[in-house]
Amino acid sequence: MFRKNRLIHLFAFCLTMLLTGTTLCAQDNGKTALMSDRIPADRMRQYADQAVAWEQEYLRIDSTNPPGNEMRAAVFFKKILDAEGIENRVFEYAPGRADLWARIPHTSETARRPFVLLNHMDVVTSDPTHWKVPPFSAQVVDGAIYGRGAQDMKSEGLAHLMVMVMLQREKVALDRDVILLAVSDEEADGTGTDWFIAHQRDLLGNAEFMINEGGENILRPDGRLKYVGVDVGEKSPLWLHVVAHGQPGHGSRPNGDSAPDRLVRALQRILAYKTPLRVLPVVEEFLKTIASDEPPVRAEEFRDLRRSLNNEKFRREIEADPDLNYLFRDTIALTMLGGSGQTNVIPSEAWANLDVRLLPGGNPGQFLATIRRVVDDPHVTVEPQTADFREANYSPTDTALYKAFRQVTAHYFPGAPVAPLLTSGYDENQRYRPLGIYAYGFNPYTATQEENDTEHGNDERIRVEEVRRGFRVMFDVVTRVAAKGE
C-alpha cells in the first residue's frame, strides 16, 4: 500500500511539473535536464530576438584583416558588457587593434578552474562585386543573414556574448569563472593571441577548459545531421622554401643544368614521395564514430583501421580521398613557384614553396632531413620559411567538457553522435593547450554544405533560425560544466 501511494504521488508530482513547464522529471525519460529549460519561454524568445539584432549589428562592423581595425568590434562588445554590469577590459596593443577580456566570477566558496570562451573579431577580405548584397550589410535574404564573418567566426562570438549576458541576467550560480576572450588578427599572424598570452596571461587564471572555433555540423540534403564534429586537434604547418641553383643563360639555348630544370626534378621527387601512414587515437575514434553511417564494407574497415591498412586496396582508397588522406599522414602541397622575370631568360635561381602539414607528434627536424634526402641534389636547398614551429597537439575526449558536448547535443540533435575531429588546418587552440588548457572547437550552429562553403567565400551567411537557437546550445554546454550542482 505504501509503495502504491508513493508511485501515485510521484506520478502526480511529475504531471504537475510537466504542466508548469518544469523539467525536473526529464531524467526519467532518459534525457538530460538543461539549464535553459528553467528559463520561461517568453524570456527565451526575447533572448532569441536580441541575438538576431546583435548578430546583424556585429556583422555590420568591417573588421577585414588586413588591416583589421578590430577595436571597432571590441567597442561593440564592451558597450553591451558595460550595460549588463559585466567586468571587462579592452587592450589596444597596436593602433586600431585590440583584445577584449570579460569575466563573470564564480559564486561558490571554493572554485574550480576557469572556463574560457575564445573567438576572433577579424574577418578575411571580400569582393562586393561577387556578393548578392554588400558583405557588411547583414541583410536578411531568404531567411539567412548575409555578412562576412557569419561562418568564420562572428556568429560564434555572438553566441559567446549571449552566454555571458544570460549568465549575468539569470544570476546563474557558478563554481568556476567564465571568461570571454575576443582577440584580433587570427586570420593573419595571430598577434592578438600572442600579445595576450605574453602580457595578460594571468587573466586566464589557470583555466581548465576553452571553447574556440573549429567545430563542424554539416546537414545532409535530407536535413539530418550526420554527426556533431568537435575539433580536438589540428595539424601543424611547416612551410618550406625550395631553391634550385643552376647555369643561367638565354632562353633560346636551353641546358639541363639550369635552375628551373633542377627545381622541376626536385619537385617531382618530393611530390612522388609518400609519407608514412600513421594511425592516431583521435582518428580511430572519429572513424569508429561515423562507421555506422557508412556502407557495410567501409563500416567494418573503419571499425578496425589497423587491420584495414594492411589491405592495399583500402590504402589506395585512403590516398585517393583528400578528406581521409590527411588524417593518416603528413601532407605536402606545392603552392608557389618562381623563376625568371622574363620568358627569354634562364635564371640562376628558381624556387618553390611547399605547404607541409604535420600530424600531432611529428618532428619538423626529422621531416626536413627526409625531404632533403629525397631531393638528393647539392644544388637544391630546402629550408623552413620560419624558425617558429609549433608542434601539433590535441585534447582528450574523456573530459567533463567533452561529456557535456555529448549530453547537450543529444538533446538538440538527437541521433547525431559527437565525433572528434582532427582538422587539416591550424587554429589558435594550438597556442592555448601548452598552457594546460583543454581546448576544443565547438560550433553550436548547423549549416548546409552550401552554407558551410561560403566561409572565406562569396555570400557568406547563416540562417536566422540558427542564430535564434545556437546561443542556447552554447549556454547549455557552458552551464553544464560551470554551473553549481550541474
Protein backbone atom coordinates (compact mmCIF):
# COMPACT_ATOMS: atom_id res chain seq x y z
CA MET A 1 0.00 0.00 0.00
CA PHE A 2 2.86 2.35 0.91
CA ARG A 3 4.62 1.68 -2.41
CA LYS A 4 1.40 2.19 -4.36
CA ASN A 5 0.75 5.55 -2.67
CA ARG A 6 4.34 6.62 -3.29
CA LEU A 7 4.02 5.83 -7.00
CA ILE A 8 0.75 7.76 -7.17
CA HIS A 9 2.36 10.79 -5.51
CA LEU A 10 5.40 10.54 -7.80
CA PHE A 11 3.15 10.42 -10.87
CA ALA A 12 1.16 13.43 -9.63
CA PHE A 13 4.38 15.35 -8.93
CA CYS A 14 5.81 14.70 -12.39
CA LEU A 15 2.49 15.61 -14.02
CA THR A 16 2.44 18.88 -12.10
CA MET A 17 5.99 19.66 -13.16
CA LEU A 18 5.12 18.89 -16.78
CA LEU A 19 2.07 21.15 -16.74
CA THR A 20 4.06 24.01 -15.21
CA GLY A 21 6.90 23.65 -17.71
CA THR A 22 9.46 22.39 -15.20
CA THR A 23 11.97 19.79 -16.39
CA LEU A 24 12.96 18.10 -13.15
CA CYS A 25 11.44 14.80 -14.34
CA ALA A 26 13.27 14.81 -17.66
CA GLN A 27 15.88 12.41 -16.35
CA ASP A 28 13.21 9.70 -16.00
CA ASN A 29 12.77 9.80 -19.77
CA GLY A 30 16.46 9.31 -20.41
CA LYS A 31 17.01 12.97 -21.30
CA THR A 32 19.39 15.45 -19.71
CA ALA A 33 17.76 18.39 -17.93
CA LEU A 34 19.28 21.58 -19.34
CA MET A 35 19.77 24.94 -17.66
CA SER A 36 17.95 26.85 -20.41
CA ASP A 37 14.81 24.78 -19.75
CA ARG A 38 14.45 26.67 -16.47
CA ILE A 39 14.09 29.99 -18.29
CA PRO A 40 10.47 30.93 -19.17
CA ALA A 41 9.59 30.61 -22.85
CA ASP A 42 8.75 34.28 -23.30
CA ARG A 43 12.15 35.30 -21.92
CA MET A 44 13.89 32.81 -24.22
CA ARG A 45 12.10 34.42 -27.18
CA GLN A 46 13.39 37.79 -26.04
CA TYR A 47 16.92 36.41 -25.90
CA ALA A 48 16.50 35.00 -29.42
CA ASP A 49 15.27 38.36 -30.73
CA GLN A 50 18.23 40.05 -29.07
CA ALA A 51 20.66 37.54 -30.60
CA VAL A 52 19.41 38.32 -34.12
CA ALA A 53 19.64 42.08 -33.54
CA TRP A 54 23.17 41.88 -32.13
CA GLU A 55 24.23 39.43 -34.86
CA GLN A 56 23.29 41.97 -37.52
CA GLU A 57 24.94 44.82 -35.64
CA TYR A 58 28.14 42.81 -35.25
CA LEU A 59 28.25 41.71 -38.88
CA ARG A 60 27.94 45.35 -39.99
CA ILE A 61 31.29 46.13 -38.36
CA ASP A 62 34.02 45.97 -41.00
CA SER A 63 36.97 44.22 -39.36
CA THR A 64 38.59 43.00 -42.56
CA ASN A 65 42.15 41.80 -41.97
CA PRO A 66 44.27 43.38 -43.23
CA PRO A 67 44.20 45.93 -41.72
CA GLY A 68 41.84 44.56 -39.04
CA ASN A 69 40.65 47.61 -37.09
CA GLU A 70 39.25 45.19 -34.52
CA MET A 71 38.93 47.99 -31.97
CA ARG A 72 35.53 48.70 -33.55
CA ALA A 73 34.39 45.18 -32.70
CA ALA A 74 35.87 45.40 -29.20
CA VAL A 75 33.87 48.60 -28.61
CA PHE A 76 30.72 46.74 -29.72
CA PHE A 77 31.36 44.01 -27.14
CA LYS A 78 32.32 46.49 -24.42
CA LYS A 79 29.19 48.60 -24.84
CA ILE A 80 26.98 45.57 -24.21
CA LEU A 81 29.09 44.18 -21.37
CA ASP A 82 29.15 47.57 -19.63
CA ALA A 83 25.35 47.86 -19.91
CA GLU A 84 25.00 44.39 -18.34
CA GLY A 85 27.38 45.17 -15.50
CA ILE A 86 29.89 42.51 -16.57
CA GLU A 87 33.55 43.09 -15.69
CA ASN A 88 35.60 43.68 -18.85
CA ARG A 89 38.79 45.23 -20.16
CA VAL A 90 39.94 46.30 -23.62
CA PHE A 91 43.63 46.17 -24.54
CA GLU A 92 44.69 48.19 -27.59
CA TYR A 93 48.04 46.51 -28.19
CA ALA A 94 48.60 48.30 -31.53
CA PRO A 95 46.84 51.23 -33.20
CA GLY A 96 43.29 50.10 -34.01
CA ARG A 97 43.97 46.53 -32.88
CA ALA A 98 42.61 45.24 -29.59
CA ASP A 99 41.80 42.23 -27.45
CA LEU A 100 38.76 42.19 -25.17
CA TRP A 101 38.55 40.23 -21.91
CA ALA A 102 35.46 39.83 -19.74
CA ARG A 103 34.67 37.69 -16.72
CA ILE A 104 31.72 36.50 -14.69
CA PRO A 105 33.18 35.26 -11.39
CA HIS A 106 32.24 32.10 -9.54
CA THR A 107 29.77 32.36 -6.67
CA SER A 108 30.85 29.24 -4.79
CA GLU A 109 33.01 29.28 -1.68
CA THR A 110 35.66 27.23 -3.46
CA ALA A 111 36.16 27.40 -7.19
CA ARG A 112 37.15 25.04 -9.93
CA ARG A 113 39.45 26.23 -12.72
CA PRO A 114 38.02 28.83 -15.16
CA PHE A 115 36.20 28.23 -18.45
CA VAL A 116 37.22 30.37 -21.45
CA LEU A 117 35.12 31.28 -24.50
CA LEU A 118 37.60 32.30 -27.22
CA ASN A 119 36.73 33.98 -30.51
CA HIS A 120 38.42 36.25 -33.01
CA MET A 121 36.97 39.54 -34.22
CA ASP A 122 38.77 39.90 -37.56
CA VAL A 123 37.47 38.57 -40.88
CA VAL A 124 39.05 37.86 -44.27
CA THR A 125 38.75 40.10 -47.31
CA SER A 126 35.70 40.11 -49.58
CA ASP A 127 34.84 41.32 -53.08
CA PRO A 128 31.41 43.02 -53.04
CA THR A 129 31.02 42.58 -56.80
CA HIS A 130 30.58 38.82 -56.27
CA TRP A 131 28.02 39.08 -53.46
CA LYS A 132 24.23 39.26 -53.69
CA VAL A 133 24.27 42.01 -51.06
CA PRO A 134 27.11 44.12 -49.60
CA PRO A 135 29.34 41.96 -47.34
CA PHE A 136 28.82 44.21 -44.32
CA SER A 137 25.11 44.91 -44.75
CA ALA A 138 23.82 41.98 -42.64
CA GLN A 139 20.76 41.88 -44.85
CA VAL A 140 18.28 39.04 -44.47
CA VAL A 141 17.73 37.20 -47.76
CA ASP A 142 15.55 34.09 -47.92
CA GLY A 143 15.76 33.53 -44.18
CA ALA A 144 19.55 33.97 -43.90
CA ILE A 145 21.69 36.84 -42.63
CA TYR A 146 24.42 37.69 -45.13
CA GLY A 147 27.72 39.08 -43.90
CA ARG A 148 31.45 38.47 -43.90
CA GLY A 149 32.18 36.55 -40.71
CA ALA A 150 28.80 34.83 -40.47
CA GLN A 151 30.54 31.44 -40.67
CA ASP A 152 34.03 32.48 -39.53
CA MET A 153 33.53 33.36 -36.73
CA LYS A 154 31.41 36.31 -35.69
CA SER A 155 28.32 34.16 -35.16
CA GLU A 156 30.19 32.02 -32.64
CA GLY A 157 31.50 35.17 -30.97
CA LEU A 158 27.90 36.39 -30.75
CA ALA A 159 26.89 33.11 -29.09
CA HIS A 160 29.71 33.59 -26.55
CA LEU A 161 28.47 37.11 -25.83
CA MET A 162 24.90 35.86 -25.37
CA VAL A 163 26.13 33.25 -22.87
CA MET A 164 27.76 35.96 -20.78
CA VAL A 165 24.63 38.09 -20.85
CA MET A 166 22.38 35.17 -19.91
CA LEU A 167 24.64 34.07 -17.06
CA GLN A 168 24.51 37.59 -15.70
CA ARG A 169 20.78 38.24 -16.14
CA GLU A 170 19.69 34.81 -14.92
CA LYS A 171 22.04 35.07 -11.93
CA VAL A 172 23.37 31.56 -12.60
CA ALA A 173 25.33 30.24 -9.63
CA LEU A 174 28.80 29.28 -10.89
CA ASP A 175 31.54 27.21 -9.33
CA ARG A 176 34.13 28.40 -11.83
CA ASP A 177 34.82 31.76 -13.52
CA VAL A 178 33.52 32.08 -17.08
CA ILE A 179 35.81 34.23 -19.25
CA LEU A 180 35.11 35.77 -22.65
CA LEU A 181 38.23 36.47 -24.74
CA ALA A 182 37.85 38.15 -28.14
CA VAL A 183 41.15 38.57 -29.98
CA SER A 184 42.47 40.26 -33.10
CA ASP A 185 44.46 39.09 -36.10
CA GLU A 186 43.64 35.36 -36.07
CA GLU A 187 43.23 35.41 -39.85
CA ALA A 188 46.81 36.59 -40.40
CA ASP A 189 49.62 36.45 -37.84
CA GLY A 190 47.83 35.71 -34.56
CA THR A 191 49.29 38.80 -32.90
CA GLY A 192 46.22 39.25 -30.69
CA THR A 193 46.54 35.88 -29.01
CA ASP A 194 50.33 36.09 -28.86
CA TRP A 195 50.17 39.51 -27.19
CA PHE A 196 47.54 38.41 -24.69
CA ILE A 197 49.45 35.30 -23.64
CA ALA A 198 52.68 37.28 -23.34
CA HIS A 199 51.24 40.25 -21.41
CA GLN A 200 47.95 39.24 -19.75
CA ARG A 201 48.32 35.51 -19.15
CA ASP A 202 47.21 35.88 -15.52
CA LEU A 203 43.74 36.97 -16.64
CA LEU A 204 43.10 33.41 -17.83
CA GLY A 205 43.59 32.22 -14.25
CA ASN A 206 44.91 28.70 -14.83
CA ALA A 207 41.89 27.92 -17.00
CA GLU A 208 40.88 24.30 -17.43
CA PHE A 209 38.58 24.45 -20.47
CA MET A 210 38.27 26.51 -23.63
CA ILE A 211 35.78 26.58 -26.50
CA ASN A 212 37.01 28.06 -29.77
CA GLU A 213 36.20 27.72 -33.47
CA GLY A 214 36.77 24.52 -35.45
CA GLY A 215 33.58 22.54 -34.86
CA GLU A 216 31.61 21.40 -37.88
CA ASN A 217 27.96 20.33 -38.09
CA ILE A 218 27.02 19.76 -41.73
CA LEU A 219 23.44 18.87 -42.59
CA ARG A 220 22.67 16.16 -45.10
CA PRO A 221 20.47 17.02 -48.11
CA ASP A 222 17.53 15.49 -46.20
CA GLY A 223 18.12 17.90 -43.30
CA ARG A 224 19.54 15.30 -40.89
CA LEU A 225 22.79 15.92 -39.05
CA LYS A 226 25.34 13.17 -39.67
CA TYR A 227 27.44 13.98 -36.61
CA VAL A 228 28.41 16.82 -34.30
CA GLY A 229 32.05 17.47 -35.14
CA VAL A 230 34.20 18.70 -32.26
CA ASP A 231 37.71 19.84 -33.13
CA VAL A 232 40.07 18.17 -30.66
CA GLY A 233 43.31 18.60 -32.62
CA GLU A 234 44.88 20.26 -35.61
CA LYS A 235 47.83 19.58 -37.86
CA SER A 236 50.76 21.97 -37.66
CA PRO A 237 52.13 23.86 -40.68
CA LEU A 238 55.77 23.53 -41.71
CA TRP A 239 56.13 25.78 -44.75
CA LEU A 240 59.22 25.00 -46.82
CA HIS A 241 61.13 27.12 -49.33
CA VAL A 242 62.91 25.15 -52.05
CA VAL A 243 65.61 26.92 -54.09
CA ALA A 244 67.45 25.44 -57.07
CA HIS A 245 70.71 26.93 -58.38
CA GLY A 246 71.95 26.40 -61.92
CA GLN A 247 73.60 27.74 -65.07
CA PRO A 248 71.90 30.94 -66.31
CA GLY A 249 71.64 31.87 -69.95
CA HIS A 250 69.48 32.82 -72.90
CA GLY A 251 66.16 31.05 -73.28
CA SER A 252 67.00 30.18 -76.88
CA ARG A 253 69.77 27.86 -75.65
CA PRO A 254 68.35 25.50 -73.01
CA ASN A 255 70.67 23.47 -70.81
CA GLY A 256 69.98 20.58 -68.47
CA ASP A 257 71.92 22.24 -65.65
CA SER A 258 69.53 25.19 -65.37
CA ALA A 259 67.91 26.14 -62.08
CA PRO A 260 64.35 25.65 -63.39
CA ASP A 261 65.20 22.17 -64.66
CA ARG A 262 66.79 21.22 -61.35
CA LEU A 263 63.78 22.59 -59.49
CA VAL A 264 61.34 20.58 -61.59
CA ARG A 265 63.30 17.38 -60.99
CA ALA A 266 63.44 18.07 -57.24
CA LEU A 267 59.72 18.78 -57.07
CA GLN A 268 58.95 15.60 -58.98
CA ARG A 269 60.85 13.59 -56.38
CA ILE A 270 59.16 15.40 -53.49
CA LEU A 271 55.64 15.00 -54.85
CA ALA A 272 56.24 11.35 -55.67
CA TYR A 273 57.37 10.66 -52.10
CA LYS A 274 54.68 9.03 -49.98
CA THR A 275 54.91 9.99 -46.33
CA PRO A 276 54.33 7.08 -43.91
CA LEU A 277 50.82 6.27 -42.77
CA ARG A 278 50.13 6.70 -39.04
CA VAL A 279 47.02 5.92 -37.02
CA LEU A 280 46.30 8.40 -34.24
CA PRO A 281 43.82 7.51 -31.47
CA VAL A 282 41.68 10.53 -32.31
CA VAL A 283 41.36 9.37 -35.93
CA GLU A 284 40.45 5.85 -34.81
CA GLU A 285 37.72 7.24 -32.57
CA PHE A 286 36.41 9.55 -35.28
CA LEU A 287 36.08 6.84 -37.91
CA LYS A 288 34.56 4.37 -35.45
CA THR A 289 32.01 7.02 -34.50
CA ILE A 290 30.88 7.62 -38.08
CA ALA A 291 31.18 3.95 -39.18
CA SER A 292 27.52 3.15 -38.54
CA ASP A 293 26.56 5.67 -41.23
CA GLU A 294 28.81 4.08 -43.87
CA PRO A 295 28.15 1.17 -46.27
CA PRO A 296 28.76 -2.24 -44.61
CA VAL A 297 32.23 -2.90 -46.07
CA ARG A 298 33.52 0.59 -45.33
CA ALA A 299 31.98 0.47 -41.84
CA GLU A 300 33.96 -2.67 -40.99
CA GLU A 301 37.14 -1.10 -42.34
CA PHE A 302 36.62 2.00 -40.18
CA ARG A 303 35.97 -0.09 -37.07
CA ASP A 304 39.35 -1.84 -37.36
CA LEU A 305 41.70 0.64 -39.01
CA ARG A 306 44.97 -1.04 -38.16
CA ARG A 307 43.91 -4.28 -39.80
CA SER A 308 42.34 -2.44 -42.74
CA LEU A 309 45.53 -0.55 -43.52
CA ASN A 310 47.23 -3.87 -44.25
CA ASN A 311 44.89 -4.11 -47.22
CA GLU A 312 46.48 -2.48 -50.27
CA LYS A 313 43.09 -1.67 -51.82
CA PHE A 314 41.99 0.19 -48.69
CA ARG A 315 45.28 2.12 -48.59
CA ARG A 316 44.80 3.20 -52.21
CA GLU A 317 41.27 4.35 -51.42
CA ILE A 318 42.54 6.36 -48.46
CA GLU A 319 45.25 8.01 -50.56
CA ALA A 320 42.77 8.92 -53.29
CA ASP A 321 40.31 10.56 -50.89
CA PRO A 322 41.50 14.05 -49.79
CA ASP A 323 39.01 14.01 -46.90
CA LEU A 324 40.70 10.90 -45.46
CA ASN A 325 44.29 11.03 -46.69
CA TYR A 326 45.34 13.97 -44.48
CA LEU A 327 44.13 12.14 -41.35
CA PHE A 328 46.77 9.42 -41.74
CA ARG A 329 49.91 11.17 -42.88
CA ASP A 330 51.97 14.33 -43.08
CA THR A 331 50.95 16.07 -46.31
CA ILE A 332 52.87 18.11 -48.88
CA ALA A 333 51.23 20.60 -51.25
CA LEU A 334 53.04 22.61 -53.91
CA THR A 335 51.61 26.13 -53.69
CA MET A 336 54.02 28.68 -55.19
CA LEU A 337 56.64 28.82 -57.96
CA GLY A 338 59.09 31.47 -59.08
CA GLY A 339 61.89 31.90 -61.60
CA SER A 340 62.83 34.38 -64.24
CA GLY A 341 61.15 37.72 -64.71
CA GLN A 342 61.35 37.30 -68.49
CA THR A 343 60.39 34.46 -70.77
CA ASN A 344 63.68 34.52 -72.71
CA VAL A 345 65.97 34.50 -69.63
CA ILE A 346 67.10 31.31 -67.88
CA PRO A 347 67.56 32.39 -64.25
CA SER A 348 70.38 31.34 -61.95
CA GLU A 349 67.79 30.55 -59.27
CA ALA A 350 64.30 29.08 -59.30
CA TRP A 351 62.18 28.49 -56.24
CA ALA A 352 59.02 26.85 -54.92
CA ASN A 353 57.06 26.93 -51.70
CA LEU A 354 55.56 23.84 -50.12
CA ASP A 355 52.72 23.79 -47.59
CA VAL A 356 53.56 20.86 -45.31
CA ARG A 357 51.15 19.83 -42.54
CA LEU A 358 52.47 17.54 -39.82
CA LEU A 359 50.38 15.25 -37.67
CA PRO A 360 50.48 15.73 -33.89
CA GLY A 361 53.75 14.31 -32.61
CA GLY A 362 55.56 14.97 -35.88
CA ASN A 363 59.17 16.11 -35.68
CA PRO A 364 59.93 19.00 -38.06
CA GLY A 365 63.69 18.41 -37.99
CA GLN A 366 63.33 14.78 -38.99
CA PHE A 367 60.82 15.64 -41.71
CA LEU A 368 63.10 18.31 -43.17
CA ALA A 369 66.05 15.88 -43.20
CA THR A 370 63.90 13.32 -45.02
CA ILE A 371 62.86 15.79 -47.73
CA ARG A 372 66.47 16.79 -48.28
CA ARG A 373 67.40 13.13 -48.76
CA VAL A 374 64.52 12.73 -51.21
CA VAL A 375 65.73 15.72 -53.25
CA ASP A 376 69.31 14.39 -53.25
CA ASP A 377 70.79 17.36 -55.15
CA PRO A 378 73.56 19.56 -53.66
CA HIS A 379 72.40 22.42 -55.90
CA VAL A 380 68.92 22.46 -54.33
CA THR A 381 68.31 23.79 -50.82
CA VAL A 382 65.23 23.12 -48.68
CA GLU A 383 64.66 25.42 -45.69
CA PRO A 384 61.76 26.29 -43.37
CA GLN A 385 60.20 29.67 -44.12
CA THR A 386 60.22 30.47 -40.41
CA ALA A 387 62.03 29.15 -37.36
CA ASP A 388 58.84 29.47 -35.31
CA PHE A 389 57.36 25.95 -35.44
CA ARG A 390 54.58 24.93 -33.08
CA GLU A 391 54.32 21.20 -32.61
CA ALA A 392 50.78 19.98 -33.19
CA ASN A 393 48.77 18.95 -30.14
CA TYR A 394 45.28 17.79 -29.25
CA SER A 395 42.87 17.49 -26.33
CA PRO A 396 41.42 14.22 -24.96
CA THR A 397 37.82 13.07 -25.32
CA ASP A 398 37.32 11.95 -21.72
CA THR A 399 36.95 15.37 -20.07
CA ALA A 400 33.92 16.93 -18.40
CA LEU A 401 33.55 19.39 -21.28
CA TYR A 402 33.57 16.70 -23.95
CA LYS A 403 30.96 14.82 -21.90
CA ALA A 404 28.87 18.00 -21.87
CA PHE A 405 29.07 18.19 -25.68
CA ARG A 406 27.57 14.70 -25.83
CA GLN A 407 24.84 15.38 -23.26
CA VAL A 408 23.69 18.71 -24.65
CA THR A 409 23.84 17.90 -28.35
CA ALA A 410 21.88 14.69 -27.74
CA HIS A 411 19.03 16.97 -26.66
CA TYR A 412 19.24 19.37 -29.63
CA PHE A 413 20.38 16.95 -32.32
CA PRO A 414 19.02 13.51 -31.36
CA GLY A 415 20.62 10.61 -33.19
CA ALA A 416 23.74 12.58 -34.17
CA PRO A 417 26.85 11.27 -32.37
CA VAL A 418 29.67 13.55 -31.26
CA ALA A 419 32.74 12.86 -33.39
CA PRO A 420 36.27 14.11 -32.57
CA LEU A 421 37.84 15.98 -35.49
CA LEU A 422 41.48 16.31 -36.45
CA THR A 423 41.45 19.32 -38.73
CA SER A 424 43.84 19.77 -41.64
CA GLY A 425 44.17 23.49 -40.92
CA TYR A 426 45.54 25.38 -37.94
CA ASP A 427 43.70 27.38 -35.31
CA GLU A 428 44.61 29.09 -32.08
CA ASN A 429 43.74 26.12 -29.88
CA GLN A 430 47.34 25.15 -30.59
CA ARG A 431 48.58 28.22 -28.73
CA TYR A 432 46.48 27.63 -25.61
CA ARG A 433 46.87 23.89 -25.00
CA PRO A 434 50.53 24.28 -23.92
CA LEU A 435 49.19 26.49 -21.09
CA GLY A 436 47.45 23.44 -19.63
CA ILE A 437 44.03 24.21 -21.12
CA TYR A 438 41.78 21.56 -22.68
CA ALA A 439 40.81 23.46 -25.85
CA TYR A 440 38.12 22.34 -28.28
CA GLY A 441 36.49 23.68 -31.40
CA PHE A 442 32.72 23.56 -30.91
CA ASN A 443 30.08 25.17 -33.13
CA PRO A 444 26.54 25.48 -31.77
CA TYR A 445 25.13 26.07 -35.26
CA THR A 446 24.36 23.69 -38.11
CA ALA A 447 24.88 24.52 -41.77
CA THR A 448 24.14 23.02 -45.14
CA GLN A 449 27.17 22.13 -47.23
CA GLU A 450 26.47 25.15 -49.41
CA GLU A 451 26.32 27.48 -46.40
CA ASN A 452 29.48 25.99 -44.92
CA ASP A 453 31.32 26.52 -48.20
CA THR A 454 30.69 30.28 -48.02
CA GLU A 455 33.33 30.56 -45.27
CA HIS A 456 36.06 32.78 -46.79
CA GLY A 457 33.94 32.74 -49.98
CA ASN A 458 31.15 34.77 -51.52
CA ASP A 459 27.69 35.29 -49.97
CA GLU A 460 28.77 34.13 -46.51
CA ARG A 461 25.65 33.66 -44.43
CA ILE A 462 23.88 31.98 -41.53
CA ARG A 463 20.19 31.14 -41.25
CA VAL A 464 18.17 33.29 -38.86
CA GLU A 465 16.75 30.16 -37.20
CA GLU A 466 20.30 29.08 -36.32
CA VAL A 467 21.08 32.44 -34.72
CA ARG A 468 17.90 32.11 -32.66
CA ARG A 469 18.90 28.66 -31.40
CA GLY A 470 22.70 28.45 -31.39
CA PHE A 471 23.37 30.66 -28.38
CA ARG A 472 21.06 28.44 -26.31
CA VAL A 473 23.06 25.34 -27.23
CA MET A 474 26.26 27.13 -26.17
CA PHE A 475 24.65 28.33 -22.93
CA ASP A 476 23.64 24.79 -22.00
CA VAL A 477 27.13 23.42 -22.71
CA VAL A 478 28.80 26.10 -20.60
CA THR A 479 26.40 25.79 -17.65
CA ARG A 480 26.71 22.00 -17.78
CA VAL A 481 30.37 22.45 -16.85
CA ALA A 482 30.44 25.76 -14.96
CA ALA A 483 27.16 25.98 -13.01
CA LYS A 484 26.99 24.88 -9.39
CA GLY A 485 25.42 21.47 -8.88
CA GLU A 486 25.48 20.55 -12.58
